[in-house]
Amino acid sequence: MQKNQIGTWIFYGACLLALLFGPGWLATAASWALGGVLAVHVVEFFVKRDVMVKAGGSMGGHFVQTLLYGLFHWKPLEDAQKSGS
């Protein structure tokens, strides 16, 4: 697991702790942060779908990885495709 992915899990963990144990305003901020990240990652998947199709493999797997890691998933795929061309 890369450092970027570990940082992503730390962010998710902090948001989860804020949702479960934080005061009202902090829980609200965490839910907005998680909702915003989810929305951006869904859009990211459809914008960069062609990169994932060219990379091969399961589109379901790419979708889950993009929901979790966003650009930390598709950017290395894109860079590998550019360097391989």
C-alpha atoms as a PDB file:
ATOM      1  CA  MET A   1       0.000   0.000   0.000  1.00  0.00           C
ATOM      2  CA  GLN A   2       1.351   3.406  -0.988  1.00  0.00           C
ATOM      3  CA  LYS A   3       1.697   6.378   1.358  1.00  0.00           C
ATOM      4  CA  ASN A   4      -1.077   8.192  -0.499  1.00  0.00           C
ATOM      5  CA  GLN A   5      -3.450   5.307   0.132  1.00  0.00           C
ATOM      6  CA  ILE A   6      -2.502   5.170   3.807  1.00  0.00           C
ATOM      7  CA  GLY A   7      -3.216   8.892   4.069  1.00  0.00           C
ATOM      8  CA  THR A   8      -6.603   8.305   2.483  1.00  0.00           C
ATOM      9  CA  TRP A   9      -7.464   5.662   5.097  1.00  0.00           C
ATOM     10  CA  ILE A  10      -6.345   8.034   7.864  1.00  0.00           C
ATOM     11  CA  PHE A  11      -8.721  10.671   6.454  1.00  0.00           C
ATOM     12  CA  TYR A  12     -11.596   8.157   6.344  1.00  0.00           C
ATOM     13  CA  GLY A  13     -10.822   7.009   9.896  1.00  0.00           C
ATOM     14  CA  ALA A  14     -10.727  10.575  11.209  1.00  0.00           C
ATOM     15  CA  CYS A  15     -14.064  11.322   9.545  1.00  0.00           C
ATOM     16  CA  LEU A  16     -15.575   8.155  10.999  1.00  0.00           C
ATOM     17  CA  LEU A  17     -14.358   9.059  14.492  1.00  0.00           C
ATOM     18  CA  ALA A  18     -15.750  12.568  14.073  1.00  0.00           C
ATOM     19  CA  LEU A  19     -19.098  11.139  12.971  1.00  0.00           C
ATOM     20  CA  LEU A  20     -19.287   8.740  15.912  1.00  0.00           C
ATOM     21  CA  PHE A  21     -17.784  10.760  18.751  1.00  0.00           C
ATOM     22  CA  GLY A  22     -17.519  14.386  17.650  1.00  0.00           C
ATOM     23  CA  PRO A  23     -19.761  17.253  18.702  1.00  0.00           C
ATOM     24  CA  GLY A  24     -22.611  18.143  16.347  1.00  0.00           C
ATOM     25  CA  TRP A  25     -20.730  20.639  14.180  1.00  0.00           C
ATOM     26  CA  LEU A  26     -17.749  18.304  13.741  1.00  0.00           C
ATOM     27  CA  ALA A  27     -19.977  15.343  12.826  1.00  0.00           C
ATOM     28  CA  THR A  28     -21.753  17.547  10.301  1.00  0.00           C
ATOM     29  CA  ALA A  29     -18.449  18.693   8.792  1.00  0.00           C
ATOM     30  CA  ALA A  30     -17.252  15.073   8.568  1.00  0.00           C
ATOM     31  CA  SER A  31     -20.436  13.955   6.831  1.00  0.00           C
ATOM     32  CA  TRP A  32     -20.128  16.806   4.327  1.00  0.00           C
ATOM     33  CA  ALA A  33     -16.465  15.936   3.731  1.00  0.00           C
ATOM     34  CA  LEU A  34     -17.256  12.269   3.122  1.00  0.00           C
ATOM     35  CA  GLY A  35     -20.217  13.109   0.894  1.00  0.00           C
ATOM     36  CA  GLY A  36     -18.115  15.557  -1.107  1.00  0.00           C
ATOM     37  CA  VAL A  37     -15.288  13.070  -1.556  1.00  0.00           C
ATOM     38  CA  LEU A  38     -17.756  10.400  -2.654  1.00  0.00           C
ATOM     39  CA  ALA A  39     -19.385  12.739  -5.196  1.00  0.00           C
ATOM     40  CA  VAL A  40     -16.027  13.819  -6.625  1.00  0.00           C
ATOM     41  CA  HIS A  41     -14.820  10.225  -6.928  1.00  0.00           C
ATOM     42  CA  VAL A  42     -17.972   9.134  -8.766  1.00  0.00           C
ATOM     43  CA  VAL A  43     -17.472  11.968 -11.265  1.00  0.00           C
ATOM     44  CA  GLU A  44     -13.782  11.070 -11.506  1.00  0.00           C
ATOM     45  CA  PHE A  45     -14.633   7.496 -12.431  1.00  0.00           C
ATOM     46  CA  PHE A  46     -16.773   8.541 -15.372  1.00  0.00           C
ATOM     47  CA  VAL A  47     -14.319  11.211 -16.550  1.00  0.00           C
ATOM     48  CA  LYS A  48     -11.347   8.815 -16.465  1.00  0.00           C
ATOM     49  CA  ARG A  49     -13.262   5.692 -17.488  1.00  0.00           C
ATOM     50  CA  ASP A  50     -11.325   5.381 -20.772  1.00  0.00           C
ATOM     51  CA  VAL A  51      -8.034   5.139 -18.844  1.00  0.00           C
ATOM     52  CA  MET A  52      -9.411   2.226 -16.834  1.00  0.00           C
ATOM     53  CA  VAL A  53     -10.834   0.490 -19.908  1.00  0.00           C
ATOM     54  CA  LYS A  54      -7.406   0.654 -21.576  1.00  0.00           C
ATOM     55  CA  ALA A  55      -5.766  -0.684 -18.400  1.00  0.00           C
ATOM     56  CA  GLY A  56      -7.939  -3.784 -18.528  1.00  0.00           C
ATOM     57  CA  GLY A  57      -9.260  -5.730 -15.596  1.00  0.00           C
ATOM     58  CA  SER A  58     -12.575  -5.526 -13.830  1.00  0.00           C
ATOM     59  CA  MET A  59     -14.474  -2.257 -14.208  1.00  0.00           C
ATOM     60  CA  GLY A  60     -16.153  -3.039 -10.894  1.00  0.00           C
ATOM     61  CA  GLY A  61     -12.723  -3.247  -9.309  1.00  0.00           C
ATOM     62  CA  HIS A  62     -11.679   0.023 -10.908  1.00  0.00           C
ATOM     63  CA  PHE A  63     -14.910   1.630  -9.680  1.00  0.00           C
ATOM     64  CA  VAL A  64     -14.311   0.554  -6.077  1.00  0.00           C
ATOM     65  CA  GLN A  65     -10.656   1.610  -6.203  1.00  0.00           C
ATOM     66  CA  THR A  66     -11.647   5.004  -7.621  1.00  0.00           C
ATOM     67  CA  LEU A  67     -14.298   5.462  -4.921  1.00  0.00           C
ATOM     68  CA  LEU A  68     -11.682   4.734  -2.274  1.00  0.00           C
ATOM     69  CA  TYR A  69      -8.565   6.380  -3.671  1.00  0.00           C
ATOM     70  CA  GLY A  70      -9.624   8.668  -6.525  1.00  0.00           C
ATOM     71  CA  LEU A  71      -6.681   9.956  -8.505  1.00  0.00           C
ATOM     72  CA  PHE A  72      -4.299   7.781  -6.498  1.00  0.00           C
ATOM     73  CA  HIS A  73      -5.819   4.863  -8.426  1.00  0.00           C
ATOM     74  CA  TRP A  74      -6.224   6.149 -11.971  1.00  0.00           C
ATOM     75  CA  LYS A  75      -3.204   8.503 -12.214  1.00  0.00           C
ATOM     76  CA  PRO A  76      -0.601   5.684 -12.111  1.00  0.00           C
ATOM     77  CA  LEU A  77      -2.615   3.832 -14.762  1.00  0.00           C
ATOM     78  CA  GLU A  78      -2.654   6.941 -16.954  1.00  0.00           C
ATOM     79  CA  ASP A  79       1.065   7.552 -16.448  1.00  0.00           C
ATOM     80  CA  ALA A  80       1.889   3.943 -17.370  1.00  0.00           C
ATOM     81  CA  GLN A  81      -0.190   4.249 -20.528  1.00  0.00           C
ATOM     82  CA  LYS A  82       1.555   7.489 -21.528  1.00  0.00           C
ATOM     83  CA  SER A  83       5.024   6.062 -20.934  1.00  0.00           C
ATOM     84  CA  GLY A  84       4.139   2.876 -22.808  1.00  0.00           C
ATOM     85  CA  SER A  85       3.020   4.758 -25.906  1.00  0.00           C
END
